[in-house]
Amino acid sequence: MTLRIYHYKRCSKSRQALSFLESIGEVSVIDYHLHPPQREELEDLMQRSIHPPHEFIRLNNEIPLDSNSSQDAIIEYLTIHPRVLQRPLVDDGSAVVIGRPLENLQHLPALSRHFPR
């Protein structure tokens, strides 16, 4: 099984997650600044995630969305502004988590055994 990480190399949390994933096996790296996910892919990632849609966006004062925004509004915004996608996203093929903090990765079925109980 290959894990996928939506990665941004200038983000320390993303680099930390990538290092952890590489230490336990094969990982496919998607630089989402170069290859942003399209609408269908974002819908799929959100559907399989334990996180609510608003957590997929790095919210700040300049972004016209908040925790009450609809999934459609969030996806639409991310297709236009992919750089505000929260990072890293880690996909094990069945579930998706935001790897911030790194301990969130324990919620992926493929990775849970790598964390103390």
PDB file of N, CA and C in Angstrom:
ATOM      1  N   MET A   1       0.832  -1.171   0.000  1.00  0.00           N
ATOM      2  CA  MET A   1       0.000   0.000   0.000  1.00  0.00           C
ATOM      3  C   MET A   1       0.885   1.246   0.000  1.00  0.00           C
ATOM      4  N   THR A   2       0.564   2.164  -0.883  1.00  0.00           N
ATOM      5  CA  THR A   2       1.297   3.421  -0.963  1.00  0.00           C
ATOM      6  C   THR A   2       0.464   4.539  -0.361  1.00  0.00           C
ATOM      7  N   LEU A   3       1.070   5.270   0.516  1.00  0.00           N
ATOM      8  CA  LEU A   3       0.431   6.444   1.097  1.00  0.00           C
ATOM      9  C   LEU A   3       0.658   7.628   0.174  1.00  0.00           C
ATOM     10  N   ARG A   4      -0.282   8.565   0.179  1.00  0.00           N
ATOM     11  CA  ARG A   4      -0.119   9.805  -0.587  1.00  0.00           C
ATOM     12  C   ARG A   4      -0.106  10.965   0.391  1.00  0.00           C
ATOM     13  N   ILE A   5       0.785  11.920   0.123  1.00  0.00           N
ATOM     14  CA  ILE A   5       0.831  13.135   0.931  1.00  0.00           C
ATOM     15  C   ILE A   5       0.733  14.336   0.003  1.00  0.00           C
ATOM     16  N   TYR A   6      -0.190  15.211   0.324  1.00  0.00           N
ATOM     17  CA  TYR A   6      -0.294  16.502  -0.355  1.00  0.00           C
ATOM     18  C   TYR A   6       0.627  17.427   0.419  1.00  0.00           C
ATOM     19  N   HIS A   7       1.723  17.770  -0.199  1.00  0.00           N
ATOM     20  CA  HIS A   7       2.892  18.309   0.487  1.00  0.00           C
ATOM     21  C   HIS A   7       3.266  19.681  -0.052  1.00  0.00           C
ATOM     22  N   TYR A   8       3.832  20.490   0.837  1.00  0.00           N
ATOM     23  CA  TYR A   8       4.452  21.757   0.445  1.00  0.00           C
ATOM     24  C   TYR A   8       5.808  21.808   1.126  1.00  0.00           C
ATOM     25  N   LYS A   9       6.869  21.793   0.328  1.00  0.00           N
ATOM     26  CA  LYS A   9       8.226  21.628   0.856  1.00  0.00           C
ATOM     27  C   LYS A   9       8.688  22.753   1.770  1.00  0.00           C
ATOM     28  N   ARG A  10       8.059  23.916   1.722  1.00  0.00           N
ATOM     29  CA  ARG A  10       8.479  25.023   2.586  1.00  0.00           C
ATOM     30  C   ARG A  10       7.767  25.016   3.937  1.00  0.00           C
ATOM     31  N   CYS A  11       6.881  24.061   4.144  1.00  0.00           N
ATOM     32  CA  CYS A  11       6.134  23.959   5.400  1.00  0.00           C
ATOM     33  C   CYS A  11       6.808  22.940   6.321  1.00  0.00           C
ATOM     34  N   SER A  12       7.181  23.362   7.512  1.00  0.00           N
ATOM     35  CA  SER A  12       7.886  22.463   8.436  1.00  0.00           C
ATOM     36  C   SER A  12       7.012  21.286   8.863  1.00  0.00           C
ATOM     37  N   LYS A  13       5.721  21.496   9.068  1.00  0.00           N
ATOM     38  CA  LYS A  13       4.828  20.392   9.467  1.00  0.00           C
ATOM     39  C   LYS A  13       4.682  19.387   8.339  1.00  0.00           C
ATOM     40  N   SER A  14       4.653  19.877   7.124  1.00  0.00           N
ATOM     41  CA  SER A  14       4.564  18.995   5.974  1.00  0.00           C
ATOM     42  C   SER A  14       5.852  18.184   5.813  1.00  0.00           C
ATOM     43  N   ARG A  15       6.985  18.822   5.987  1.00  0.00           N
ATOM     44  CA  ARG A  15       8.270  18.100   5.923  1.00  0.00           C
ATOM     45  C   ARG A  15       8.363  17.060   7.036  1.00  0.00           C
ATOM     46  N   GLN A  16       7.874  17.394   8.220  1.00  0.00           N
ATOM     47  CA  GLN A  16       7.892  16.460   9.345  1.00  0.00           C
ATOM     48  C   GLN A  16       7.041  15.226   9.021  1.00  0.00           C
ATOM     49  N   ALA A  17       5.860  15.434   8.478  1.00  0.00           N
ATOM     50  CA  ALA A  17       4.991  14.310   8.127  1.00  0.00           C
ATOM     51  C   ALA A  17       5.617  13.465   7.023  1.00  0.00           C
ATOM     52  N   LEU A  18       6.196  14.103   6.021  1.00  0.00           N
ATOM     53  CA  LEU A  18       6.835  13.367   4.937  1.00  0.00           C
ATOM     54  C   LEU A  18       7.984  12.522   5.463  1.00  0.00           C
ATOM     55  N   SER A  19       8.793  13.065   6.335  1.00  0.00           N
ATOM     56  CA  SER A  19       9.905  12.316   6.917  1.00  0.00           C
ATOM     57  C   SER A  19       9.396  11.088   7.672  1.00  0.00           C
ATOM     58  N   PHE A  20       8.341  11.265   8.451  1.00  0.00           N
ATOM     59  CA  PHE A  20       7.757  10.143   9.189  1.00  0.00           C
ATOM     60  C   PHE A  20       7.246   9.076   8.222  1.00  0.00           C
ATOM     61  N   LEU A  21       6.513   9.486   7.202  1.00  0.00           N
ATOM     62  CA  LEU A  21       5.955   8.528   6.248  1.00  0.00           C
ATOM     63  C   LEU A  21       7.054   7.783   5.499  1.00  0.00           C
ATOM     64  N   GLU A  22       8.102   8.482   5.100  1.00  0.00           N
ATOM     65  CA  GLU A  22       9.209   7.830   4.398  1.00  0.00           C
ATOM     66  C   GLU A  22       9.924   6.830   5.296  1.00  0.00           C
ATOM     67  N   SER A  23       9.922   7.069   6.596  1.00  0.00           N
ATOM     68  CA  SER A  23      10.601   6.154   7.518  1.00  0.00           C
ATOM     69  C   SER A  23       9.863   4.830   7.682  1.00  0.00           C
ATOM     70  N   ILE A  24       8.582   4.797   7.328  1.00  0.00           N
ATOM     71  CA  ILE A  24       7.821   3.559   7.518  1.00  0.00           C
ATOM     72  C   ILE A  24       7.430   2.880   6.216  1.00  0.00           C
ATOM     73  N   GLY A  25       7.705   3.514   5.085  1.00  0.00           N
ATOM     74  CA  GLY A  25       7.363   2.852   3.831  1.00  0.00           C
ATOM     75  C   GLY A  25       7.309   3.797   2.655  1.00  0.00           C
ATOM     76  N   GLU A  26       6.722   3.278   1.594  1.00  0.00           N
ATOM     77  CA  GLU A  26       6.641   4.025   0.344  1.00  0.00           C
ATOM     78  C   GLU A  26       5.567   5.104   0.439  1.00  0.00           C
ATOM     79  N   VAL A  27       5.889   6.264  -0.085  1.00  0.00           N
ATOM     80  CA  VAL A  27       4.947   7.379  -0.067  1.00  0.00           C
ATOM     81  C   VAL A  27       4.998   8.104  -1.411  1.00  0.00           C
ATOM     82  N   SER A  28       3.829   8.431  -1.918  1.00  0.00           N
ATOM     83  CA  SER A  28       3.705   9.209  -3.141  1.00  0.00           C
ATOM     84  C   SER A  28       3.509  10.668  -2.743  1.00  0.00           C
ATOM     85  N   VAL A  29       4.377  11.538  -3.249  1.00  0.00           N
ATOM     86  CA  VAL A  29       4.354  12.950  -2.869  1.00  0.00           C
ATOM     87  C   VAL A  29       3.692  13.772  -3.972  1.00  0.00           C
ATOM     88  N   ILE A  30       2.680  14.530  -3.575  1.00  0.00           N
ATOM     89  CA  ILE A  30       1.997  15.435  -4.492  1.00  0.00           C
ATOM     90  C   ILE A  30       2.260  16.855  -4.010  1.00  0.00           C
ATOM     91  N   ASP A  31       3.023  17.605  -4.786  1.00  0.00           N
ATOM     92  CA  ASP A  31       3.251  19.011  -4.469  1.00  0.00           C
ATOM     93  C   ASP A  31       2.017  19.760  -4.943  1.00  0.00           C
ATOM     94  N   TYR A  32       1.132  20.083  -4.019  1.00  0.00           N
ATOM     95  CA  TYR A  32      -0.151  20.650  -4.416  1.00  0.00           C
ATOM     96  C   TYR A  32      -0.032  22.091  -4.910  1.00  0.00           C
ATOM     97  N   HIS A  33       1.121  22.703  -4.773  1.00  0.00           N
ATOM     98  CA  HIS A  33       1.322  24.022  -5.387  1.00  0.00           C
ATOM     99  C   HIS A  33       1.558  23.858  -6.890  1.00  0.00           C
ATOM    100  N   LEU A  34       2.197  22.758  -7.279  1.00  0.00           N
ATOM    101  CA  LEU A  34       2.443  22.485  -8.696  1.00  0.00           C
ATOM    102  C   LEU A  34       1.300  21.726  -9.344  1.00  0.00           C
ATOM    103  N   HIS A  35       0.640  20.858  -8.569  1.00  0.00           N
ATOM    104  CA  HIS A  35      -0.442  20.006  -9.070  1.00  0.00           C
ATOM    105  C   HIS A  35      -1.632  20.091  -8.124  1.00  0.00           C
ATOM    106  N   PRO A  36      -2.366  21.196  -8.159  1.00  0.00           N
ATOM    107  CA  PRO A  36      -3.476  21.365  -7.217  1.00  0.00           C
ATOM    108  C   PRO A  36      -4.597  20.358  -7.477  1.00  0.00           C
ATOM    109  N   PRO A  37      -5.207  19.864  -6.412  1.00  0.00           N
ATOM    110  CA  PRO A  37      -6.324  18.932  -6.596  1.00  0.00           C
ATOM    111  C   PRO A  37      -7.518  19.643  -7.231  1.00  0.00           C
ATOM    112  N   GLN A  38      -8.188  18.929  -8.125  1.00  0.00           N
ATOM    113  CA  GLN A  38      -9.371  19.468  -8.787  1.00  0.00           C
ATOM    114  C   GLN A  38     -10.609  19.221  -7.922  1.00  0.00           C
ATOM    115  N   ARG A  39     -11.722  19.769  -8.335  1.00  0.00           N
ATOM    116  CA  ARG A  39     -12.966  19.705  -7.571  1.00  0.00           C
ATOM    117  C   ARG A  39     -13.313  18.271  -7.141  1.00  0.00           C
ATOM    118  N   GLU A  40     -13.307  17.329  -8.069  1.00  0.00           N
ATOM    119  CA  GLU A  40     -13.691  15.953  -7.757  1.00  0.00           C
ATOM    120  C   GLU A  40     -12.749  15.338  -6.729  1.00  0.00           C
ATOM    121  N   GLU A  41     -11.480  15.626  -6.863  1.00  0.00           N
ATOM    122  CA  GLU A  41     -10.495  15.097  -5.921  1.00  0.00           C
ATOM    123  C   GLU A  41     -10.697  15.697  -4.534  1.00  0.00           C
ATOM    124  N   LEU A  42     -10.963  16.994  -4.465  1.00  0.00           N
ATOM    125  CA  LEU A  42     -11.226  17.636  -3.174  1.00  0.00           C
ATOM    126  C   LEU A  42     -12.480  17.058  -2.523  1.00  0.00           C
ATOM    127  N   GLU A  43     -13.524  16.827  -3.314  1.00  0.00           N
ATOM    128  CA  GLU A  43     -14.750  16.224  -2.782  1.00  0.00           C
ATOM    129  C   GLU A  43     -14.457  14.859  -2.184  1.00  0.00           C
ATOM    130  N   ASP A  44     -13.676  14.054  -2.908  1.00  0.00           N
ATOM    131  CA  ASP A  44     -13.322  12.717  -2.429  1.00  0.00           C
ATOM    132  C   ASP A  44     -12.496  12.786  -1.149  1.00  0.00           C
ATOM    133  N   LEU A  45     -11.504  13.652  -1.112  1.00  0.00           N
ATOM    134  CA  LEU A  45     -10.663  13.785   0.081  1.00  0.00           C
ATOM    135  C   LEU A  45     -11.497  14.192   1.292  1.00  0.00           C
ATOM    136  N   MET A  46     -12.390  15.145   1.109  1.00  0.00           N
ATOM    137  CA  MET A  46     -13.223  15.604   2.226  1.00  0.00           C
ATOM    138  C   MET A  46     -14.198  14.525   2.683  1.00  0.00           C
ATOM    139  N   GLN A  47     -14.736  13.781   1.729  1.00  0.00           N
ATOM    140  CA  GLN A  47     -15.693  12.722   2.067  1.00  0.00           C
ATOM    141  C   GLN A  47     -15.033  11.633   2.918  1.00  0.00           C
ATOM    142  N   ARG A  48     -13.781  11.333   2.662  1.00  0.00           N
ATOM    143  CA  ARG A  48     -13.083  10.263   3.381  1.00  0.00           C
ATOM    144  C   ARG A  48     -12.317  10.755   4.601  1.00  0.00           C
ATOM    145  N   SER A  49     -12.435  12.031   4.899  1.00  0.00           N
ATOM    146  CA  SER A  49     -11.668  12.615   6.003  1.00  0.00           C
ATOM    147  C   SER A  49     -12.447  12.618   7.312  1.00  0.00           C
ATOM    148  N   ILE A  50     -11.697  12.593   8.411  1.00  0.00           N
ATOM    149  CA  ILE A  50     -12.298  12.736   9.737  1.00  0.00           C
ATOM    150  C   ILE A  50     -12.504  14.206  10.080  1.00  0.00           C
ATOM    151  N   HIS A  51     -11.990  15.100   9.250  1.00  0.00           N
ATOM    152  CA  HIS A  51     -12.034  16.536   9.516  1.00  0.00           C
ATOM    153  C   HIS A  51     -13.226  17.184   8.816  1.00  0.00           C
ATOM    154  N   PRO A  52     -13.838  18.170   9.443  1.00  0.00           N
ATOM    155  CA  PRO A  52     -14.887  18.925   8.756  1.00  0.00           C
ATOM    156  C   PRO A  52     -14.266  19.750   7.621  1.00  0.00           C
ATOM    157  N   PRO A  53     -15.057  20.057   6.592  1.00  0.00           N
ATOM    158  CA  PRO A  53     -14.508  20.760   5.422  1.00  0.00           C
ATOM    159  C   PRO A  53     -13.759  22.049   5.734  1.00  0.00           C
ATOM    160  N   HIS A  54     -14.211  22.821   6.708  1.00  0.00           N
ATOM    161  CA  HIS A  54     -13.541  24.104   6.961  1.00  0.00           C
ATOM    162  C   HIS A  54     -12.101  23.925   7.445  1.00  0.00           C
ATOM    163  N   GLU A  55     -11.757  22.739   7.957  1.00  0.00           N
ATOM    164  CA  GLU A  55     -10.379  22.507   8.398  1.00  0.00           C
ATOM    165  C   GLU A  55      -9.423  22.281   7.229  1.00  0.00           C
ATOM    166  N   PHE A  56      -9.947  22.128   6.029  1.00  0.00           N
ATOM    167  CA  PHE A  56      -9.106  21.956   4.847  1.00  0.00           C
ATOM    168  C   PHE A  56      -8.514  23.274   4.359  1.00  0.00           C
ATOM    169  N   ILE A  57      -8.951  24.375   4.956  1.00  0.00           N
ATOM    170  CA  ILE A  57      -8.454  25.692   4.556  1.00  0.00           C
ATOM    171  C   ILE A  57      -7.675  26.311   5.699  1.00  0.00           C
ATOM    172  N   ARG A  58      -6.529  26.891   5.366  1.00  0.00           N
ATOM    173  CA  ARG A  58      -5.763  27.661   6.347  1.00  0.00           C
ATOM    174  C   ARG A  58      -6.435  29.022   6.461  1.00  0.00           C
ATOM    175  N   LEU A  59      -7.312  29.143   7.432  1.00  0.00           N
ATOM    176  CA  LEU A  59      -8.115  30.357   7.583  1.00  0.00           C
ATOM    177  C   LEU A  59      -7.287  31.513   8.124  1.00  0.00           C
ATOM    178  N   ASN A  60      -7.542  32.685   7.585  1.00  0.00           N
ATOM    179  CA  ASN A  60      -6.968  33.924   8.110  1.00  0.00           C
ATOM    180  C   ASN A  60      -7.906  35.070   7.749  1.00  0.00           C
ATOM    181  N   ASN A  61      -7.540  36.256   8.107  1.00  0.00           N
ATOM    182  CA  ASN A  61      -8.419  37.407   7.897  1.00  0.00           C
ATOM    183  C   ASN A  61      -8.690  37.715   6.430  1.00  0.00           C
ATOM    184  N   GLU A  62      -7.839  37.261   5.547  1.00  0.00           N
ATOM    185  CA  GLU A  62      -7.994  37.575   4.130  1.00  0.00           C
ATOM    186  C   GLU A  62      -8.906  36.599   3.397  1.00  0.00           C
ATOM    187  N   ILE A  63      -9.268  35.505   4.033  1.00  0.00           N
ATOM    188  CA  ILE A  63     -10.074  34.481   3.380  1.00  0.00           C
ATOM    189  C   ILE A  63     -11.538  34.679   3.758  1.00  0.00           C
ATOM    190  N   PRO A  64     -12.411  34.787   2.761  1.00  0.00           N
ATOM    191  CA  PRO A  64     -13.817  35.082   3.035  1.00  0.00           C
ATOM    192  C   PRO A  64     -14.647  33.860   3.425  1.00  0.00           C
ATOM    193  N   LEU A  65     -14.060  32.927   4.151  1.00  0.00           N
ATOM    194  CA  LEU A  65     -14.749  31.717   4.596  1.00  0.00           C
ATOM    195  C   LEU A  65     -14.538  31.555   6.087  1.00  0.00           C
ATOM    196  N   ASP A  66     -15.401  30.750   6.704  1.00  0.00           N
ATOM    197  CA  ASP A  66     -15.230  30.451   8.123  1.00  0.00           C
ATOM    198  C   ASP A  66     -15.751  29.049   8.396  1.00  0.00           C
ATOM    199  N   SER A  67     -15.850  28.684   9.654  1.00  0.00           N
ATOM    200  CA  SER A  67     -16.253  27.326  10.017  1.00  0.00           C
ATOM    201  C   SER A  67     -17.700  27.023   9.648  1.00  0.00           C
ATOM    202  N   ASN A  68     -18.486  28.034   9.308  1.00  0.00           N
ATOM    203  CA  ASN A  68     -19.875  27.824   8.895  1.00  0.00           C
ATOM    204  C   ASN A  68     -20.042  27.750   7.381  1.00  0.00           C
ATOM    205  N   SER A  69     -18.968  27.900   6.641  1.00  0.00           N
ATOM    206  CA  SER A  69     -19.044  27.861   5.181  1.00  0.00           C
ATOM    207  C   SER A  69     -19.388  26.451   4.708  1.00  0.00           C
ATOM    208  N   SER A  70     -20.129  26.373   3.617  1.00  0.00           N
ATOM    209  CA  SER A  70     -20.524  25.071   3.077  1.00  0.00           C
ATOM    210  C   SER A  70     -19.328  24.376   2.428  1.00  0.00           C
ATOM    211  N   GLN A  71     -19.443  23.063   2.316  1.00  0.00           N
ATOM    212  CA  GLN A  71     -18.390  22.298   1.658  1.00  0.00           C
ATOM    213  C   GLN A  71     -18.229  22.776   0.216  1.00  0.00           C
ATOM    214  N   ASP A  72     -19.331  23.044  -0.474  1.00  0.00           N
ATOM    215  CA  ASP A  72     -19.241  23.524  -1.857  1.00  0.00           C
ATOM    216  C   ASP A  72     -18.491  24.845  -1.953  1.00  0.00           C
ATOM    217  N   ALA A  73     -18.756  25.761  -1.030  1.00  0.00           N
ATOM    218  CA  ALA A  73     -18.062  27.057  -1.040  1.00  0.00           C
ATOM    219  C   ALA A  73     -16.571  26.869  -0.787  1.00  0.00           C
ATOM    220  N   ILE A  74     -16.237  25.969   0.114  1.00  0.00           N
ATOM    221  CA  ILE A  74     -14.833  25.700   0.434  1.00  0.00           C
ATOM    222  C   ILE A  74     -14.120  25.077  -0.764  1.00  0.00           C
ATOM    223  N   ILE A  75     -14.760  24.099  -1.386  1.00  0.00           N
ATOM    224  CA  ILE A  75     -14.161  23.455  -2.556  1.00  0.00           C
ATOM    225  C   ILE A  75     -13.982  24.463  -3.687  1.00  0.00           C
ATOM    226  N   GLU A  76     -14.987  25.270  -3.917  1.00  0.00           N
ATOM    227  CA  GLU A  76     -14.890  26.293  -4.966  1.00  0.00           C
ATOM    228  C   GLU A  76     -13.711  27.226  -4.697  1.00  0.00           C
ATOM    229  N   TYR A  77     -13.563  27.660  -3.460  1.00  0.00           N
ATOM    230  CA  TYR A  77     -12.465  28.560  -3.102  1.00  0.00           C
ATOM    231  C   TYR A  77     -11.115  27.866  -3.299  1.00  0.00           C
ATOM    232  N   LEU A  78     -11.025  26.603  -2.896  1.00  0.00           N
ATOM    233  CA  LEU A  78      -9.761  25.873  -3.029  1.00  0.00           C
ATOM    234  C   LEU A  78      -9.382  25.621  -4.486  1.00  0.00           C
ATOM    235  N   THR A  79     -10.360  25.467  -5.358  1.00  0.00           N
ATOM    236  CA  THR A  79     -10.019  25.271  -6.772  1.00  0.00           C
ATOM    237  C   THR A  79      -9.448  26.545  -7.384  1.00  0.00           C
ATOM    238  N   ILE A  80      -9.843  27.691  -6.844  1.00  0.00           N
ATOM    239  CA  ILE A  80      -9.332  28.972  -7.331  1.00  0.00           C
ATOM    240  C   ILE A  80      -8.045  29.375  -6.604  1.00  0.00           C
ATOM    241  N   HIS A  81      -7.966  29.025  -5.309  1.00  0.00           N
ATOM    242  CA  HIS A  81      -6.830  29.413  -4.459  1.00  0.00           C
ATOM    243  C   HIS A  81      -6.237  28.171  -3.773  1.00  0.00           C
ATOM    244  N   PRO A  82      -5.603  27.275  -4.529  1.00  0.00           N
ATOM    245  CA  PRO A  82      -5.114  26.026  -3.931  1.00  0.00           C
ATOM    246  C   PRO A  82      -4.025  26.217  -2.877  1.00  0.00           C
ATOM    247  N   ARG A  83      -3.368  27.344  -2.861  1.00  0.00           N
ATOM    248  CA  ARG A  83      -2.281  27.552  -1.896  1.00  0.00           C
ATOM    249  C   ARG A  83      -2.769  27.663  -0.459  1.00  0.00           C
ATOM    250  N   VAL A  84      -4.069  27.859  -0.255  1.00  0.00           N
ATOM    251  CA  VAL A  84      -4.581  27.948   1.117  1.00  0.00           C
ATOM    252  C   VAL A  84      -5.051  26.588   1.643  1.00  0.00           C
ATOM    253  N   LEU A  85      -4.833  25.525   0.864  1.00  0.00           N
ATOM    254  CA  LEU A  85      -5.157  24.180   1.332  1.00  0.00           C
ATOM    255  C   LEU A  85      -4.318  23.866   2.565  1.00  0.00           C
ATOM    256  N   GLN A  86      -4.973  23.363   3.589  1.00  0.00           N
ATOM    257  CA  GLN A  86      -4.248  22.982   4.807  1.00  0.00           C
ATOM    258  C   GLN A  86      -3.271  21.867   4.459  1.00  0.00           C
ATOM    259  N   ARG A  87      -2.166  21.850   5.120  1.00  0.00           N
ATOM    260  CA  ARG A  87      -1.131  20.867   4.822  1.00  0.00           C
ATOM    261  C   ARG A  87      -0.523  20.330   6.096  1.00  0.00           C
ATOM    262  N   PRO A  88      -0.027  19.136   6.004  1.00  0.00           N
ATOM    263  CA  PRO A  88      -0.129  18.187   4.906  1.00  0.00           C
ATOM    264  C   PRO A  88      -1.428  17.385   4.989  1.00  0.00           C
ATOM    265  N   LEU A  89      -1.918  16.961   3.850  1.00  0.00           N
ATOM    266  CA  LEU A  89      -3.013  15.993   3.801  1.00  0.00           C
ATOM    267  C   LEU A  89      -2.378  14.643   3.530  1.00  0.00           C
ATOM    268  N   VAL A  90      -2.798  13.629   4.281  1.00  0.00           N
ATOM    269  CA  VAL A  90      -2.254  12.290   4.094  1.00  0.00           C
ATOM    270  C   VAL A  90      -3.416  11.345   3.813  1.00  0.00           C
ATOM    271  N   ASP A  91      -3.264  10.557   2.755  1.00  0.00           N
ATOM    272  CA  ASP A  91      -4.309   9.667   2.254  1.00  0.00           C
ATOM    273  C   ASP A  91      -3.757   8.247   2.227  1.00  0.00           C
ATOM    274  N   ASP A  92      -4.436   7.338   2.933  1.00  0.00           N
ATOM    275  CA  ASP A  92      -3.989   5.938   2.918  1.00  0.00           C
ATOM    276  C   ASP A  92      -4.828   5.075   1.982  1.00  0.00           C
ATOM    277  N   GLY A  93      -5.681   5.700   1.191  1.00  0.00           N
ATOM    278  CA  GLY A  93      -6.522   4.968   0.259  1.00  0.00           C
ATOM    279  C   GLY A  93      -7.926   4.734   0.782  1.00  0.00           C
ATOM    280  N   SER A  94      -8.081   4.726   2.103  1.00  0.00           N
ATOM    281  CA  SER A  94      -9.415   4.562   2.681  1.00  0.00           C
ATOM    282  C   SER A  94      -9.832   5.770   3.501  1.00  0.00           C
ATOM    283  N   ALA A  95      -8.875   6.453   4.095  1.00  0.00           N
ATOM    284  CA  ALA A  95      -9.172   7.616   4.929  1.00  0.00           C
ATOM    285  C   ALA A  95      -8.142   8.712   4.659  1.00  0.00           C
ATOM    286  N   VAL A  96      -8.520   9.931   5.046  1.00  0.00           N
ATOM    287  CA  VAL A  96      -7.671  11.106   4.836  1.00  0.00           C
ATOM    288  C   VAL A  96      -7.612  11.883   6.138  1.00  0.00           C
ATOM    289  N   VAL A  97      -6.408  12.317   6.511  1.00  0.00           N
ATOM    290  CA  VAL A  97      -6.265  13.184   7.685  1.00  0.00           C
ATOM    291  C   VAL A  97      -5.361  14.360   7.342  1.00  0.00           C
ATOM    292  N   ILE A  98      -5.544  15.411   8.116  1.00  0.00           N
ATOM    293  CA  ILE A  98      -4.631  16.544   8.073  1.00  0.00           C
ATOM    294  C   ILE A  98      -3.531  16.219   9.075  1.00  0.00           C
ATOM    295  N   GLY A  99      -2.302  16.143   8.621  1.00  0.00           N
ATOM    296  CA  GLY A  99      -1.185  15.723   9.466  1.00  0.00           C
ATOM    297  C   GLY A  99      -0.614  16.837  10.311  1.00  0.00           C
ATOM    298  N   ARG A 100      -1.450  17.616  10.882  1.00  0.00           N
ATOM    299  CA  ARG A 100      -1.067  18.741  11.737  1.00  0.00           C
ATOM    300  C   ARG A 100      -1.966  18.701  12.944  1.00  0.00           C
ATOM    301  N   PRO A 101      -1.527  18.267  14.059  1.00  0.00           N
ATOM    302  CA  PRO A 101      -0.184  17.805  14.394  1.00  0.00           C
ATOM    303  C   PRO A 101       0.066  16.396  13.846  1.00  0.00           C
ATOM    304  N   LEU A 102       1.308  15.991  13.888  1.00  0.00           N
ATOM    305  CA  LEU A 102       1.715  14.694  13.362  1.00  0.00           C
ATOM    306  C   LEU A 102       0.905  13.551  13.963  1.00  0.00           C
ATOM    307  N   GLU A 103       0.501  13.688  15.213  1.00  0.00           N
ATOM    308  CA  GLU A 103      -0.256  12.637  15.894  1.00  0.00           C
ATOM    309  C   GLU A 103      -1.589  12.345  15.204  1.00  0.00           C
ATOM    310  N   ASN A 104      -2.092  13.255  14.395  1.00  0.00           N
ATOM    311  CA  ASN A 104      -3.332  12.994  13.659  1.00  0.00           C
ATOM    312  C   ASN A 104      -3.203  11.790  12.739  1.00  0.00           C
ATOM    313  N   LEU A 105      -1.977  11.469  12.338  1.00  0.00           N
ATOM    314  CA  LEU A 105      -1.777  10.343  11.427  1.00  0.00           C
ATOM    315  C   LEU A 105      -2.189   9.016  12.048  1.00  0.00           C
ATOM    316  N   GLN A 106      -2.267   8.943  13.366  1.00  0.00           N
ATOM    317  CA  GLN A 106      -2.677   7.700  14.017  1.00  0.00           C
ATOM    318  C   GLN A 106      -4.127   7.341  13.699  1.00  0.00           C
ATOM    319  N   HIS A 107      -4.899   8.278  13.171  1.00  0.00           N
ATOM    320  CA  HIS A 107      -6.294   8.017  12.820  1.00  0.00           C
ATOM    321  C   HIS A 107      -6.438   7.325  11.469  1.00  0.00           C
ATOM    322  N   LEU A 108      -5.354   7.193  10.742  1.00  0.00           N
ATOM    323  CA  LEU A 108      -5.383   6.439   9.491  1.00  0.00           C
ATOM    324  C   LEU A 108      -5.215   4.961   9.812  1.00  0.00           C
ATOM    325  N   PRO A 109      -6.122   4.116   9.340  1.00  0.00           N
ATOM    326  CA  PRO A 109      -5.998   2.683   9.635  1.00  0.00           C
ATOM    327  C   PRO A 109      -4.629   2.112   9.279  1.00  0.00           C
ATOM    328  N   ALA A 110      -4.045   2.568   8.189  1.00  0.00           N
ATOM    329  CA  ALA A 110      -2.750   2.037   7.753  1.00  0.00           C
ATOM    330  C   ALA A 110      -1.596   2.456   8.653  1.00  0.00           C
ATOM    331  N   LEU A 111      -1.790   3.479   9.484  1.00  0.00           N
ATOM    332  CA  LEU A 111      -0.686   4.004  10.294  1.00  0.00           C
ATOM    333  C   LEU A 111      -0.885   3.846  11.795  1.00  0.00           C
ATOM    334  N   SER A 112      -2.046   3.435  12.235  1.00  0.00           N
ATOM    335  CA  SER A 112      -2.342   3.421  13.671  1.00  0.00           C
ATOM    336  C   SER A 112      -1.353   2.572  14.464  1.00  0.00           C
ATOM    337  N   ARG A 113      -0.827   1.516  13.872  1.00  0.00           N
ATOM    338  CA  ARG A 113       0.105   0.638  14.611  1.00  0.00           C
ATOM    339  C   ARG A 113       1.464   1.297  14.859  1.00  0.00           C
ATOM    340  N   HIS A 114       1.724   2.414  14.215  1.00  0.00           N
ATOM    341  CA  HIS A 114       3.002   3.108  14.383  1.00  0.00           C
ATOM    342  C   HIS A 114       2.984   4.127  15.516  1.00  0.00           C
ATOM    343  N   PHE A 115       1.886   4.173  16.240  1.00  0.00           N
ATOM    344  CA  PHE A 115       1.749   5.114  17.353  1.00  0.00           C
ATOM    345  C   PHE A 115       1.457   4.342  18.631  1.00  0.00           C
ATOM    346  N   PRO A 116       2.017   4.794  19.758  1.00  0.00           N
ATOM    347  CA  PRO A 116       1.743   4.107  21.029  1.00  0.00           C
ATOM    348  C   PRO A 116       0.275   4.241  21.403  1.00  0.00           C
ATOM    349  N   ARG A 117      -0.215   3.214  22.070  1.00  0.00           N
ATOM    350  CA  ARG A 117      -1.626   3.240  22.506  1.00  0.00           C
ATOM    351  C   ARG A 117      -1.735   3.758  23.895  1.00  0.00           C
TER     352      ARG A 117
END
